[in-house]
Amino acid sequence: MADTGRPAIHTPELEAKVLASLSVRSMVKTCKMEGMPCRETIYRWIADVEGFSDKYARACQERADHRAELIDDIADQVLTGKVDPQAGKVAIDAHKWTAIKLNPRKYSDRIDVGNADSKPFEVVIK
């Protein structure tokens, strides 16, 4: 897909705008915003622009945090009757799933059993 009509040249200002958007919304929504590069351009920056990959990963972790925070707001709206409980459950499940996928170490229910080096424990029976 061509970058026709979209900014494709990396600049610090555009990078900051993209990362700020990605910290609270998906890449699909970010790329639909006016003045934003397309998905292919962002993926090219991840591969080619020094340091952008780490900043992108951090933005995804921030988006996971944002999603987790939205869960409290939705729960409050359900409890006050502003949101239908079934709609609230669907929204909460979607936010929870996304948070887990974006930052599984922080939001997954899975327990990682191991030592500080992430190696499994060795059990010795005498």
N, C-alpha and C. Protein backbone atom coordinates (compact mmCIF):
# COMPACT_ATOMS: atom_id res chain seq x y z
N MET A 1 0.85 -1.18 0.00
CA MET A 1 0.00 0.00 0.00
C MET A 1 0.89 1.24 0.00
N ALA A 2 0.62 2.17 -0.85
CA ALA A 2 1.42 3.38 -0.98
C ALA A 2 1.10 4.37 0.14
N ASP A 3 2.09 5.22 0.44
CA ASP A 3 1.93 6.23 1.47
C ASP A 3 1.35 7.53 0.91
N THR A 4 0.67 7.48 -0.21
CA THR A 4 0.15 8.65 -0.87
C THR A 4 -0.70 9.49 0.07
N GLY A 5 -0.32 10.77 0.20
CA GLY A 5 -1.10 11.69 0.99
C GLY A 5 -0.85 11.60 2.48
N ARG A 6 0.04 10.73 2.91
CA ARG A 6 0.33 10.57 4.33
C ARG A 6 1.79 10.91 4.58
N PRO A 7 2.10 11.43 5.76
CA PRO A 7 3.51 11.70 6.05
C PRO A 7 4.27 10.38 6.17
N ALA A 8 5.40 10.29 5.50
CA ALA A 8 6.19 9.06 5.54
C ALA A 8 7.59 9.32 6.07
N ILE A 9 8.00 10.56 6.06
CA ILE A 9 9.35 10.91 6.52
C ILE A 9 9.33 11.06 8.03
N HIS A 10 10.26 10.37 8.66
CA HIS A 10 10.35 10.40 10.12
C HIS A 10 10.90 11.75 10.56
N THR A 11 10.20 12.36 11.49
CA THR A 11 10.69 13.57 12.17
C THR A 11 10.45 13.37 13.66
N PRO A 12 11.24 14.01 14.50
CA PRO A 12 11.00 13.88 15.95
C PRO A 12 9.60 14.32 16.37
N GLU A 13 9.08 15.36 15.71
CA GLU A 13 7.75 15.86 16.05
C GLU A 13 6.67 14.83 15.69
N LEU A 14 6.77 14.25 14.49
CA LEU A 14 5.78 13.25 14.07
C LEU A 14 5.91 11.99 14.92
N GLU A 15 7.15 11.62 15.24
CA GLU A 15 7.36 10.45 16.10
C GLU A 15 6.66 10.65 17.44
N ALA A 16 6.83 11.81 18.05
CA ALA A 16 6.21 12.09 19.34
C ALA A 16 4.68 12.03 19.24
N LYS A 17 4.14 12.56 18.16
CA LYS A 17 2.69 12.54 17.96
C LYS A 17 2.17 11.11 17.79
N VAL A 18 2.90 10.31 17.02
CA VAL A 18 2.51 8.91 16.79
C VAL A 18 2.57 8.13 18.10
N LEU A 19 3.66 8.27 18.84
CA LEU A 19 3.82 7.54 20.09
C LEU A 19 2.78 7.95 21.13
N ALA A 20 2.47 9.24 21.19
CA ALA A 20 1.45 9.71 22.12
C ALA A 20 0.10 9.09 21.79
N SER A 21 -0.20 8.99 20.52
CA SER A 21 -1.46 8.38 20.11
C SER A 21 -1.47 6.88 20.40
N LEU A 22 -0.36 6.21 20.09
CA LEU A 22 -0.28 4.77 20.31
C LEU A 22 -0.31 4.40 21.79
N SER A 23 -0.02 5.33 22.66
CA SER A 23 -0.06 5.03 24.09
C SER A 23 -1.48 4.97 24.64
N VAL A 24 -2.47 5.42 23.85
CA VAL A 24 -3.86 5.37 24.31
C VAL A 24 -4.83 4.76 23.30
N ARG A 25 -4.37 4.50 22.08
CA ARG A 25 -5.28 3.91 21.09
C ARG A 25 -4.52 2.97 20.16
N SER A 26 -5.25 2.16 19.46
CA SER A 26 -4.67 1.14 18.58
C SER A 26 -3.98 1.77 17.38
N MET A 27 -3.16 0.96 16.71
CA MET A 27 -2.50 1.45 15.51
C MET A 27 -3.54 1.75 14.42
N VAL A 28 -4.58 0.93 14.35
CA VAL A 28 -5.63 1.16 13.35
C VAL A 28 -6.25 2.54 13.54
N LYS A 29 -6.62 2.87 14.78
CA LYS A 29 -7.22 4.18 15.05
C LYS A 29 -6.21 5.31 14.86
N THR A 30 -4.97 5.08 15.26
CA THR A 30 -3.93 6.09 15.09
C THR A 30 -3.74 6.41 13.62
N CYS A 31 -3.64 5.39 12.80
CA CYS A 31 -3.38 5.60 11.37
C CYS A 31 -4.57 6.24 10.64
N LYS A 32 -5.76 6.11 11.20
CA LYS A 32 -6.94 6.75 10.59
C LYS A 32 -7.00 8.24 10.89
N MET A 33 -6.23 8.68 11.87
CA MET A 33 -6.26 10.10 12.25
C MET A 33 -5.56 10.95 11.19
N GLU A 34 -6.10 12.13 10.99
CA GLU A 34 -5.53 13.04 10.00
C GLU A 34 -4.09 13.41 10.37
N GLY A 35 -3.22 13.38 9.37
CA GLY A 35 -1.83 13.77 9.56
C GLY A 35 -0.93 12.67 10.09
N MET A 36 -1.50 11.47 10.25
CA MET A 36 -0.71 10.35 10.76
C MET A 36 -0.24 9.47 9.61
N PRO A 37 0.93 8.84 9.79
CA PRO A 37 1.42 7.92 8.76
C PRO A 37 0.61 6.63 8.76
N CYS A 38 0.74 5.87 7.68
CA CYS A 38 0.04 4.60 7.59
C CYS A 38 0.80 3.53 8.39
N ARG A 39 0.15 2.41 8.57
CA ARG A 39 0.71 1.30 9.35
C ARG A 39 2.06 0.84 8.80
N GLU A 40 2.17 0.73 7.50
CA GLU A 40 3.42 0.27 6.89
C GLU A 40 4.57 1.21 7.22
N THR A 41 4.30 2.50 7.24
CA THR A 41 5.34 3.47 7.58
C THR A 41 5.79 3.29 9.03
N ILE A 42 4.84 3.11 9.93
CA ILE A 42 5.19 2.92 11.33
C ILE A 42 6.00 1.65 11.50
N TYR A 43 5.61 0.58 10.81
CA TYR A 43 6.40 -0.66 10.88
C TYR A 43 7.80 -0.47 10.31
N ARG A 44 7.91 0.35 9.29
CA ARG A 44 9.23 0.64 8.71
C ARG A 44 10.09 1.42 9.72
N TRP A 45 9.46 2.35 10.43
CA TRP A 45 10.19 3.09 11.47
C TRP A 45 10.67 2.13 12.57
N ILE A 46 9.82 1.17 12.95
CA ILE A 46 10.21 0.19 13.97
C ILE A 46 11.47 -0.55 13.54
N ALA A 47 11.54 -0.89 12.28
CA ALA A 47 12.69 -1.64 11.76
C ALA A 47 13.90 -0.75 11.50
N ASP A 48 13.68 0.48 11.05
CA ASP A 48 14.79 1.29 10.53
C ASP A 48 15.24 2.46 11.40
N VAL A 49 14.37 3.01 12.21
CA VAL A 49 14.73 4.21 12.98
C VAL A 49 15.28 3.80 14.34
N GLU A 50 16.51 4.18 14.59
CA GLU A 50 17.17 3.80 15.84
C GLU A 50 16.40 4.31 17.05
N GLY A 51 16.13 3.40 17.97
CA GLY A 51 15.45 3.75 19.21
C GLY A 51 13.93 3.74 19.12
N PHE A 52 13.37 3.76 17.92
CA PHE A 52 11.92 3.83 17.80
C PHE A 52 11.26 2.54 18.28
N SER A 53 11.88 1.41 18.03
CA SER A 53 11.32 0.13 18.45
C SER A 53 11.09 0.10 19.96
N ASP A 54 12.07 0.56 20.73
CA ASP A 54 11.92 0.59 22.19
C ASP A 54 10.83 1.57 22.62
N LYS A 55 10.77 2.71 21.96
CA LYS A 55 9.73 3.70 22.28
C LYS A 55 8.35 3.17 21.93
N TYR A 56 8.25 2.43 20.82
CA TYR A 56 6.99 1.82 20.41
C TYR A 56 6.55 0.79 21.46
N ALA A 57 7.49 -0.04 21.92
CA ALA A 57 7.17 -1.04 22.94
C ALA A 57 6.67 -0.37 24.22
N ARG A 58 7.31 0.73 24.59
CA ARG A 58 6.89 1.47 25.78
C ARG A 58 5.48 2.05 25.59
N ALA A 59 5.19 2.56 24.41
CA ALA A 59 3.85 3.09 24.12
C ALA A 59 2.80 1.99 24.24
N CYS A 60 3.14 0.78 23.80
CA CYS A 60 2.21 -0.35 23.93
C CYS A 60 1.97 -0.70 25.39
N GLN A 61 3.01 -0.64 26.21
CA GLN A 61 2.83 -0.89 27.64
C GLN A 61 1.96 0.19 28.27
N GLU A 62 2.16 1.43 27.84
CA GLU A 62 1.33 2.53 28.35
C GLU A 62 -0.13 2.33 27.92
N ARG A 63 -0.34 1.82 26.71
CA ARG A 63 -1.70 1.55 26.23
C ARG A 63 -2.34 0.46 27.09
N ALA A 64 -1.57 -0.55 27.49
CA ALA A 64 -2.08 -1.59 28.38
C ALA A 64 -2.52 -0.97 29.70
N ASP A 65 -1.70 -0.08 30.24
CA ASP A 65 -2.06 0.60 31.49
C ASP A 65 -3.34 1.42 31.30
N HIS A 66 -3.43 2.10 30.19
CA HIS A 66 -4.63 2.91 29.89
C HIS A 66 -5.87 2.02 29.84
N ARG A 67 -5.74 0.87 29.17
CA ARG A 67 -6.88 -0.05 29.08
C ARG A 67 -7.29 -0.55 30.46
N ALA A 68 -6.31 -0.87 31.29
CA ALA A 68 -6.61 -1.35 32.65
C ALA A 68 -7.32 -0.26 33.45
N GLU A 69 -6.90 0.98 33.29
CA GLU A 69 -7.55 2.09 34.00
C GLU A 69 -8.99 2.31 33.52
N LEU A 70 -9.25 2.06 32.25
CA LEU A 70 -10.61 2.22 31.73
C LEU A 70 -11.58 1.24 32.38
N ILE A 71 -11.06 0.08 32.81
CA ILE A 71 -11.91 -0.93 33.43
C ILE A 71 -12.58 -0.36 34.68
N ASP A 72 -11.83 0.37 35.49
CA ASP A 72 -12.42 0.98 36.70
C ASP A 72 -13.54 1.96 36.34
N ASP A 73 -13.30 2.76 35.31
CA ASP A 73 -14.31 3.73 34.90
C ASP A 73 -15.59 3.03 34.44
N ILE A 74 -15.43 1.97 33.67
CA ILE A 74 -16.61 1.24 33.18
C ILE A 74 -17.35 0.59 34.34
N ALA A 75 -16.62 0.00 35.25
CA ALA A 75 -17.26 -0.63 36.41
C ALA A 75 -18.05 0.41 37.21
N ASP A 76 -17.49 1.59 37.41
CA ASP A 76 -18.21 2.65 38.12
C ASP A 76 -19.48 3.05 37.37
N GLN A 77 -19.39 3.12 36.05
CA GLN A 77 -20.56 3.49 35.25
C GLN A 77 -21.65 2.42 35.32
N VAL A 78 -21.25 1.15 35.38
CA VAL A 78 -22.22 0.07 35.54
C VAL A 78 -22.89 0.18 36.91
N LEU A 79 -22.10 0.41 37.94
CA LEU A 79 -22.64 0.48 39.30
C LEU A 79 -23.57 1.66 39.51
N THR A 80 -23.35 2.75 38.77
CA THR A 80 -24.23 3.91 38.90
C THR A 80 -25.40 3.88 37.92
N GLY A 81 -25.48 2.83 37.11
CA GLY A 81 -26.59 2.67 36.18
C GLY A 81 -26.44 3.42 34.86
N LYS A 82 -25.28 4.00 34.61
CA LYS A 82 -25.07 4.74 33.36
C LYS A 82 -24.78 3.81 32.19
N VAL A 83 -24.32 2.60 32.49
CA VAL A 83 -23.99 1.62 31.45
C VAL A 83 -24.68 0.31 31.78
N ASP A 84 -25.27 -0.32 30.78
CA ASP A 84 -25.90 -1.63 30.93
C ASP A 84 -24.85 -2.65 31.39
N PRO A 85 -25.18 -3.47 32.38
CA PRO A 85 -24.20 -4.43 32.88
C PRO A 85 -23.62 -5.36 31.82
N GLN A 86 -24.43 -5.82 30.89
CA GLN A 86 -23.91 -6.71 29.84
C GLN A 86 -22.96 -5.96 28.91
N ALA A 87 -23.29 -4.72 28.57
CA ALA A 87 -22.40 -3.91 27.73
C ALA A 87 -21.11 -3.63 28.49
N GLY A 88 -21.23 -3.37 29.78
CA GLY A 88 -20.05 -3.13 30.59
C GLY A 88 -19.15 -4.35 30.64
N LYS A 89 -19.76 -5.53 30.78
CA LYS A 89 -18.97 -6.77 30.82
C LYS A 89 -18.21 -6.97 29.52
N VAL A 90 -18.87 -6.73 28.40
CA VAL A 90 -18.21 -6.88 27.10
C VAL A 90 -17.03 -5.90 26.99
N ALA A 91 -17.26 -4.66 27.38
CA ALA A 91 -16.20 -3.65 27.30
C ALA A 91 -15.04 -4.00 28.24
N ILE A 92 -15.35 -4.41 29.46
CA ILE A 92 -14.31 -4.77 30.42
C ILE A 92 -13.51 -5.96 29.91
N ASP A 93 -14.18 -6.97 29.39
CA ASP A 93 -13.48 -8.14 28.85
C ASP A 93 -12.55 -7.75 27.70
N ALA A 94 -13.02 -6.86 26.84
CA ALA A 94 -12.19 -6.42 25.70
C ALA A 94 -10.97 -5.64 26.19
N HIS A 95 -11.16 -4.75 27.14
CA HIS A 95 -10.03 -3.98 27.68
C HIS A 95 -9.06 -4.89 28.41
N LYS A 96 -9.59 -5.86 29.16
CA LYS A 96 -8.74 -6.79 29.91
C LYS A 96 -7.92 -7.65 28.93
N TRP A 97 -8.56 -8.16 27.89
CA TRP A 97 -7.86 -8.99 26.90
C TRP A 97 -6.74 -8.19 26.24
N THR A 98 -7.03 -6.95 25.86
CA THR A 98 -6.03 -6.12 25.21
C THR A 98 -4.87 -5.82 26.15
N ALA A 99 -5.17 -5.49 27.40
CA ALA A 99 -4.10 -5.20 28.37
C ALA A 99 -3.20 -6.42 28.55
N ILE A 100 -3.79 -7.60 28.63
CA ILE A 100 -3.00 -8.83 28.79
C ILE A 100 -2.12 -9.07 27.58
N LYS A 101 -2.63 -8.84 26.39
CA LYS A 101 -1.85 -9.07 25.17
C LYS A 101 -0.72 -8.05 25.04
N LEU A 102 -0.97 -6.80 25.45
CA LEU A 102 0.04 -5.76 25.32
C LEU A 102 1.11 -5.83 26.40
N ASN A 103 0.75 -6.30 27.59
CA ASN A 103 1.71 -6.37 28.68
C ASN A 103 1.39 -7.59 29.56
N PRO A 104 1.68 -8.79 29.06
CA PRO A 104 1.30 -10.00 29.79
C PRO A 104 1.99 -10.15 31.14
N ARG A 105 3.21 -9.66 31.27
CA ARG A 105 3.90 -9.78 32.56
C ARG A 105 3.16 -9.05 33.66
N LYS A 106 2.55 -7.94 33.32
CA LYS A 106 1.88 -7.12 34.32
C LYS A 106 0.42 -7.53 34.52
N TYR A 107 -0.29 -7.92 33.45
CA TYR A 107 -1.73 -8.09 33.53
C TYR A 107 -2.23 -9.52 33.39
N SER A 108 -1.38 -10.47 33.08
CA SER A 108 -1.84 -11.84 32.92
C SER A 108 -2.10 -12.49 34.27
N ASP A 109 -3.06 -13.39 34.31
CA ASP A 109 -3.34 -14.16 35.52
C ASP A 109 -2.33 -15.30 35.69
N ARG A 110 -1.59 -15.56 34.67
CA ARG A 110 -0.64 -16.66 34.68
C ARG A 110 0.50 -16.34 35.65
N ILE A 111 0.86 -17.32 36.45
CA ILE A 111 1.94 -17.15 37.41
C ILE A 111 3.20 -17.78 36.83
N ASP A 112 4.27 -17.00 36.75
CA ASP A 112 5.54 -17.47 36.24
C ASP A 112 6.39 -17.91 37.42
N VAL A 113 6.59 -19.21 37.52
CA VAL A 113 7.37 -19.76 38.61
C VAL A 113 8.79 -19.98 38.13
N GLY A 114 9.72 -19.31 38.77
CA GLY A 114 11.11 -19.46 38.40
C GLY A 114 11.95 -18.60 39.32
N ASN A 115 13.25 -18.63 39.12
CA ASN A 115 14.12 -17.80 39.95
C ASN A 115 14.41 -16.48 39.25
N ALA A 116 15.30 -15.69 39.78
CA ALA A 116 15.58 -14.36 39.24
C ALA A 116 16.11 -14.40 37.81
N ASP A 117 16.71 -15.51 37.41
CA ASP A 117 17.24 -15.65 36.06
C ASP A 117 16.21 -16.22 35.10
N SER A 118 14.97 -16.33 35.55
CA SER A 118 13.87 -16.90 34.77
C SER A 118 14.13 -18.34 34.37
N LYS A 119 14.92 -19.03 35.14
CA LYS A 119 15.15 -20.46 34.91
C LYS A 119 14.23 -21.22 35.86
N PRO A 120 13.72 -22.35 35.43
CA PRO A 120 12.84 -23.10 36.33
C PRO A 120 13.60 -23.59 37.56
N PHE A 121 12.86 -23.73 38.64
CA PHE A 121 13.46 -24.26 39.86
C PHE A 121 13.83 -25.73 39.65
N GLU A 122 14.86 -26.13 40.29
CA GLU A 122 15.25 -27.52 40.25
C GLU A 122 14.83 -28.16 41.57
N VAL A 123 14.09 -29.23 41.48
CA VAL A 123 13.63 -29.93 42.66
C VAL A 123 14.51 -31.16 42.84
N VAL A 124 15.13 -31.24 44.03
CA VAL A 124 16.00 -32.38 44.32
C VAL A 124 15.36 -33.17 45.44
N ILE A 125 15.12 -34.44 45.19
CA ILE A 125 14.54 -35.32 46.20
C ILE A 125 15.65 -36.23 46.69
N LYS A 126 15.86 -36.20 48.01
CA LYS A 126 16.92 -37.05 48.60
C LYS A 126 16.31 -38.23 49.30
